[in-house]
Amino acid sequence: MTVIIGIDPGSRRTGYGIIRFEGYRYTYLASGHVDLTRIVKTDRLRQLFLKLQDIVQVYRPDEAAIEQVFMHENAQSALKLGQARGAAMVAFSIPVAEYSAREIKKSVVGHGAAGKSQVQYMVQRLLNLKAALQADAADALAVALCHAQSRHLKQLLKG
């Protein structure tokens, strides 16, 4: 049994999703987001780090996965996103895997150019959730599911 935390980084809202993975079964544990919009810009990274550390202490994940930065036309946005990713990554004292948005969508939906609503729908179905998920949480759970599938495939290939 492996507990995985997935992170959908953002400079204003960072989503997190935690699943348990055993064999071919995924079990939903928790999800949500860290809302940084009301926090002074100079304190956002520290608050993100602290809140993610609290989440890690509660759920004790074995591994983490995070979405890679997509280079936007706006370099400033990419830099802020990179800072949020860095704060999230140092909050964990466990291995952190990185996946592109296209890899995540392909893994969860079957198509790398899938839309947000398709990702939300498939995450809800794969984890057998009754209620719709908030977008950041669904994206973070998709990251965790992508990592679980990648991890499982690597184990199968090892024999």
C-alpha atoms as a PDB file:
ATOM      1  CA  MET A   1       0.000   0.000   0.000  1.00  0.00           C
ATOM      2  CA  THR A   2       1.363   3.404  -1.028  1.00  0.00           C
ATOM      3  CA  VAL A   3      -0.015   6.829  -0.144  1.00  0.00           C
ATOM      4  CA  ILE A   4       0.569   9.467  -2.828  1.00  0.00           C
ATOM      5  CA  ILE A   5       0.014  13.213  -2.643  1.00  0.00           C
ATOM      6  CA  GLY A   6      -0.497  15.048  -5.919  1.00  0.00           C
ATOM      7  CA  ILE A   7       0.050  18.783  -6.234  1.00  0.00           C
ATOM      8  CA  ASP A   8      -1.407  21.217  -8.768  1.00  0.00           C
ATOM      9  CA  PRO A   9       0.767  24.277  -8.092  1.00  0.00           C
ATOM     10  CA  GLY A  10      -0.456  27.838  -8.329  1.00  0.00           C
ATOM     11  CA  SER A  11       0.688  31.200  -7.018  1.00  0.00           C
ATOM     12  CA  ARG A  12      -2.803  31.987  -5.666  1.00  0.00           C
ATOM     13  CA  ARG A  13      -4.357  28.540  -5.189  1.00  0.00           C
ATOM     14  CA  THR A  14      -2.485  25.273  -4.949  1.00  0.00           C
ATOM     15  CA  GLY A  15      -4.511  22.083  -5.157  1.00  0.00           C
ATOM     16  CA  TYR A  16      -3.649  18.900  -3.333  1.00  0.00           C
ATOM     17  CA  GLY A  17      -5.035  15.393  -3.623  1.00  0.00           C
ATOM     18  CA  ILE A  18      -4.161  12.317  -1.615  1.00  0.00           C
ATOM     19  CA  ILE A  19      -4.848   8.734  -2.646  1.00  0.00           C
ATOM     20  CA  ARG A  20      -3.924   5.292  -1.425  1.00  0.00           C
ATOM     21  CA  PHE A  21      -2.736   2.924  -4.135  1.00  0.00           C
ATOM     22  CA  GLU A  22      -2.615  -0.842  -3.763  1.00  0.00           C
ATOM     23  CA  GLY A  23      -2.434  -3.242  -6.696  1.00  0.00           C
ATOM     24  CA  TYR A  24      -5.001  -1.986  -9.183  1.00  0.00           C
ATOM     25  CA  ARG A  25      -7.083  -0.137  -6.593  1.00  0.00           C
ATOM     26  CA  TYR A  26      -7.120   3.579  -5.866  1.00  0.00           C
ATOM     27  CA  THR A  27      -8.714   4.899  -2.696  1.00  0.00           C
ATOM     28  CA  TYR A  28      -9.514   8.570  -2.185  1.00  0.00           C
ATOM     29  CA  LEU A  29      -8.182   9.943   1.109  1.00  0.00           C
ATOM     30  CA  ALA A  30      -8.430  13.728   0.873  1.00  0.00           C
ATOM     31  CA  SER A  31      -8.271  16.726  -1.430  1.00  0.00           C
ATOM     32  CA  GLY A  32      -8.588  20.466  -1.331  1.00  0.00           C
ATOM     33  CA  HIS A  33      -6.645  23.589  -2.035  1.00  0.00           C
ATOM     34  CA  VAL A  34      -4.480  26.083  -0.227  1.00  0.00           C
ATOM     35  CA  ASP A  35      -5.969  29.511  -0.897  1.00  0.00           C
ATOM     36  CA  LEU A  36      -3.267  32.167  -0.906  1.00  0.00           C
ATOM     37  CA  THR A  37      -5.311  35.027  -2.402  1.00  0.00           C
ATOM     38  CA  ARG A  38      -5.831  36.831   0.925  1.00  0.00           C
ATOM     39  CA  ILE A  39      -2.235  36.426   2.061  1.00  0.00           C
ATOM     40  CA  VAL A  40       0.297  39.189   1.503  1.00  0.00           C
ATOM     41  CA  LYS A  41       2.384  38.332  -1.580  1.00  0.00           C
ATOM     42  CA  THR A  42       5.645  38.334   0.357  1.00  0.00           C
ATOM     43  CA  ASP A  43       4.296  35.684   2.765  1.00  0.00           C
ATOM     44  CA  ARG A  44       2.562  33.363   0.264  1.00  0.00           C
ATOM     45  CA  LEU A  45       5.405  30.909  -0.304  1.00  0.00           C
ATOM     46  CA  ARG A  46       6.044  30.474   3.417  1.00  0.00           C
ATOM     47  CA  GLN A  47       2.341  29.917   4.094  1.00  0.00           C
ATOM     48  CA  LEU A  48       2.093  27.412   1.241  1.00  0.00           C
ATOM     49  CA  PHE A  49       5.098  25.535   2.611  1.00  0.00           C
ATOM     50  CA  LEU A  50       3.657  25.456   6.154  1.00  0.00           C
ATOM     51  CA  LYS A  51       0.162  24.382   5.093  1.00  0.00           C
ATOM     52  CA  LEU A  52       1.498  21.587   2.900  1.00  0.00           C
ATOM     53  CA  GLN A  53       3.744  20.422   5.739  1.00  0.00           C
ATOM     54  CA  ASP A  54       0.651  20.206   7.975  1.00  0.00           C
ATOM     55  CA  ILE A  55      -1.149  18.110   5.346  1.00  0.00           C
ATOM     56  CA  VAL A  56       1.874  15.823   4.989  1.00  0.00           C
ATOM     57  CA  GLN A  57       2.032  15.314   8.766  1.00  0.00           C
ATOM     58  CA  VAL A  58      -1.624  14.242   8.850  1.00  0.00           C
ATOM     59  CA  TYR A  59      -1.634  11.863   5.856  1.00  0.00           C
ATOM     60  CA  ARG A  60       2.016  10.767   5.834  1.00  0.00           C
ATOM     61  CA  PRO A  61       2.354  10.155   2.078  1.00  0.00           C
ATOM     62  CA  ASP A  62       5.068   7.828   0.849  1.00  0.00           C
ATOM     63  CA  GLU A  63       5.554   9.669  -2.441  1.00  0.00           C
ATOM     64  CA  ALA A  64       4.610  12.973  -4.035  1.00  0.00           C
ATOM     65  CA  ALA A  65       3.927  14.060  -7.593  1.00  0.00           C
ATOM     66  CA  ILE A  66       3.669  17.565  -8.975  1.00  0.00           C
ATOM     67  CA  GLU A  67       2.713  19.113 -12.285  1.00  0.00           C
ATOM     68  CA  GLN A  68       5.603  20.628 -14.234  1.00  0.00           C
ATOM     69  CA  VAL A  69       5.646  24.312 -15.128  1.00  0.00           C
ATOM     70  CA  PHE A  70       4.255  25.068 -18.551  1.00  0.00           C
ATOM     71  CA  MET A  71       6.075  28.043 -20.087  1.00  0.00           C
ATOM     72  CA  HIS A  72       3.395  30.642 -20.554  1.00  0.00           C
ATOM     73  CA  GLU A  73       3.703  33.594 -22.897  1.00  0.00           C
ATOM     74  CA  ASN A  74       4.033  35.612 -19.709  1.00  0.00           C
ATOM     75  CA  ALA A  75       7.417  34.780 -18.190  1.00  0.00           C
ATOM     76  CA  GLN A  76       6.406  36.442 -14.903  1.00  0.00           C
ATOM     77  CA  SER A  77       3.526  33.952 -14.493  1.00  0.00           C
ATOM     78  CA  ALA A  78       5.840  31.018 -15.167  1.00  0.00           C
ATOM     79  CA  LEU A  79       8.305  32.345 -12.585  1.00  0.00           C
ATOM     80  CA  LYS A  80       5.582  32.668  -9.915  1.00  0.00           C
ATOM     81  CA  LEU A  81       4.356  29.175 -10.697  1.00  0.00           C
ATOM     82  CA  GLY A  82       7.911  27.873 -10.417  1.00  0.00           C
ATOM     83  CA  GLN A  83       8.247  29.479  -6.994  1.00  0.00           C
ATOM     84  CA  ALA A  84       5.026  27.814  -5.809  1.00  0.00           C
ATOM     85  CA  ARG A  85       6.291  24.468  -7.125  1.00  0.00           C
ATOM     86  CA  GLY A  86       9.543  24.947  -5.241  1.00  0.00           C
ATOM     87  CA  ALA A  87       7.752  25.739  -1.979  1.00  0.00           C
ATOM     88  CA  ALA A  88       5.599  22.644  -2.419  1.00  0.00           C
ATOM     89  CA  MET A  89       8.541  20.394  -3.266  1.00  0.00           C
ATOM     90  CA  VAL A  90      10.589  21.388  -0.217  1.00  0.00           C
ATOM     91  CA  ALA A  91       7.581  20.770   2.059  1.00  0.00           C
ATOM     92  CA  PHE A  92       8.033  17.044   1.397  1.00  0.00           C
ATOM     93  CA  SER A  93      10.832  14.868   2.713  1.00  0.00           C
ATOM     94  CA  ILE A  94       9.816  12.106   0.295  1.00  0.00           C
ATOM     95  CA  PRO A  95      10.523  11.399  -3.382  1.00  0.00           C
ATOM     96  CA  VAL A  96       8.799  13.876  -5.727  1.00  0.00           C
ATOM     97  CA  ALA A  97       7.972  12.928  -9.323  1.00  0.00           C
ATOM     98  CA  GLU A  98       7.159  15.513 -11.986  1.00  0.00           C
ATOM     99  CA  TYR A  99       4.720  15.164 -14.887  1.00  0.00           C
ATOM    100  CA  SER A 100       3.679  17.474 -17.694  1.00  0.00           C
ATOM    101  CA  ALA A 101       0.035  18.500 -18.014  1.00  0.00           C
ATOM    102  CA  ARG A 102      -0.180  16.464 -21.222  1.00  0.00           C
ATOM    103  CA  GLU A 103       1.168  13.323 -19.486  1.00  0.00           C
ATOM    104  CA  ILE A 104      -1.332  13.729 -16.653  1.00  0.00           C
ATOM    105  CA  LYS A 105      -4.304  14.192 -18.977  1.00  0.00           C
ATOM    106  CA  LYS A 106      -3.264  11.258 -21.151  1.00  0.00           C
ATOM    107  CA  SER A 107      -2.860   9.032 -18.114  1.00  0.00           C
ATOM    108  CA  VAL A 108      -6.224   9.914 -16.552  1.00  0.00           C
ATOM    109  CA  VAL A 109      -8.443  10.660 -19.563  1.00  0.00           C
ATOM    110  CA  GLY A 110      -6.612   8.857 -22.366  1.00  0.00           C
ATOM    111  CA  HIS A 111      -6.057  12.033 -24.374  1.00  0.00           C
ATOM    112  CA  GLY A 112      -3.285  14.563 -23.713  1.00  0.00           C
ATOM    113  CA  ALA A 113      -5.358  17.520 -24.918  1.00  0.00           C
ATOM    114  CA  ALA A 114      -8.354  16.768 -22.662  1.00  0.00           C
ATOM    115  CA  GLY A 115     -10.209  19.680 -21.105  1.00  0.00           C
ATOM    116  CA  LYS A 116     -10.564  20.427 -17.394  1.00  0.00           C
ATOM    117  CA  SER A 117     -14.127  19.112 -17.252  1.00  0.00           C
ATOM    118  CA  GLN A 118     -13.006  15.797 -18.775  1.00  0.00           C
ATOM    119  CA  VAL A 119     -10.245  15.481 -16.183  1.00  0.00           C
ATOM    120  CA  GLN A 120     -12.690  16.264 -13.362  1.00  0.00           C
ATOM    121  CA  TYR A 121     -15.161  13.693 -14.670  1.00  0.00           C
ATOM    122  CA  MET A 122     -12.583  10.900 -14.965  1.00  0.00           C
ATOM    123  CA  VAL A 123     -11.036  11.613 -11.560  1.00  0.00           C
ATOM    124  CA  GLN A 124     -14.503  11.433 -10.029  1.00  0.00           C
ATOM    125  CA  ARG A 125     -15.171   8.102 -11.789  1.00  0.00           C
ATOM    126  CA  LEU A 126     -11.762   6.529 -11.104  1.00  0.00           C
ATOM    127  CA  LEU A 127     -12.014   7.322  -7.396  1.00  0.00           C
ATOM    128  CA  ASN A 128     -15.732   6.476  -7.205  1.00  0.00           C
ATOM    129  CA  LEU A 129     -16.645   9.873  -5.748  1.00  0.00           C
ATOM    130  CA  LYS A 130     -20.283  10.944  -5.489  1.00  0.00           C
ATOM    131  CA  ALA A 131     -19.789  14.714  -5.391  1.00  0.00           C
ATOM    132  CA  ALA A 132     -18.139  16.886  -8.019  1.00  0.00           C
ATOM    133  CA  LEU A 133     -14.648  18.070  -7.189  1.00  0.00           C
ATOM    134  CA  GLN A 134     -13.297  21.595  -7.071  1.00  0.00           C
ATOM    135  CA  ALA A 135     -11.016  22.161 -10.110  1.00  0.00           C
ATOM    136  CA  ASP A 136      -7.689  22.532  -8.264  1.00  0.00           C
ATOM    137  CA  ALA A 137      -8.377  19.458  -6.130  1.00  0.00           C
ATOM    138  CA  ALA A 138      -9.402  17.396  -9.180  1.00  0.00           C
ATOM    139  CA  ASP A 139      -6.223  18.414 -11.003  1.00  0.00           C
ATOM    140  CA  ALA A 140      -4.101  17.462  -7.980  1.00  0.00           C
ATOM    141  CA  LEU A 141      -5.844  14.091  -7.710  1.00  0.00           C
ATOM    142  CA  ALA A 142      -5.173  13.597 -11.432  1.00  0.00           C
ATOM    143  CA  VAL A 143      -1.464  14.178 -10.743  1.00  0.00           C
ATOM    144  CA  ALA A 144      -1.566  11.552  -7.973  1.00  0.00           C
ATOM    145  CA  LEU A 145      -3.418   9.078 -10.223  1.00  0.00           C
ATOM    146  CA  CYS A 146      -0.913   9.661 -13.032  1.00  0.00           C
ATOM    147  CA  HIS A 147       1.943   8.907 -10.651  1.00  0.00           C
ATOM    148  CA  ALA A 148       0.224   5.779  -9.327  1.00  0.00           C
ATOM    149  CA  GLN A 149      -0.279   4.491 -12.867  1.00  0.00           C
ATOM    150  CA  SER A 150       3.293   5.324 -13.862  1.00  0.00           C
ATOM    151  CA  ARG A 151       4.604   3.644 -10.736  1.00  0.00           C
ATOM    152  CA  HIS A 152       2.491   0.545 -11.352  1.00  0.00           C
ATOM    153  CA  LEU A 153       3.668   0.290 -14.967  1.00  0.00           C
ATOM    154  CA  LYS A 154       7.315   0.515 -13.872  1.00  0.00           C
ATOM    155  CA  GLN A 155       6.730  -2.305 -11.377  1.00  0.00           C
ATOM    156  CA  LEU A 156       5.144  -4.479 -14.081  1.00  0.00           C
ATOM    157  CA  LEU A 157       8.072  -3.867 -16.430  1.00  0.00           C
ATOM    158  CA  LYS A 158      10.557  -4.895 -13.733  1.00  0.00           C
ATOM    159  CA  GLY A 159       8.820  -8.258 -13.604  1.00  0.00           C
END
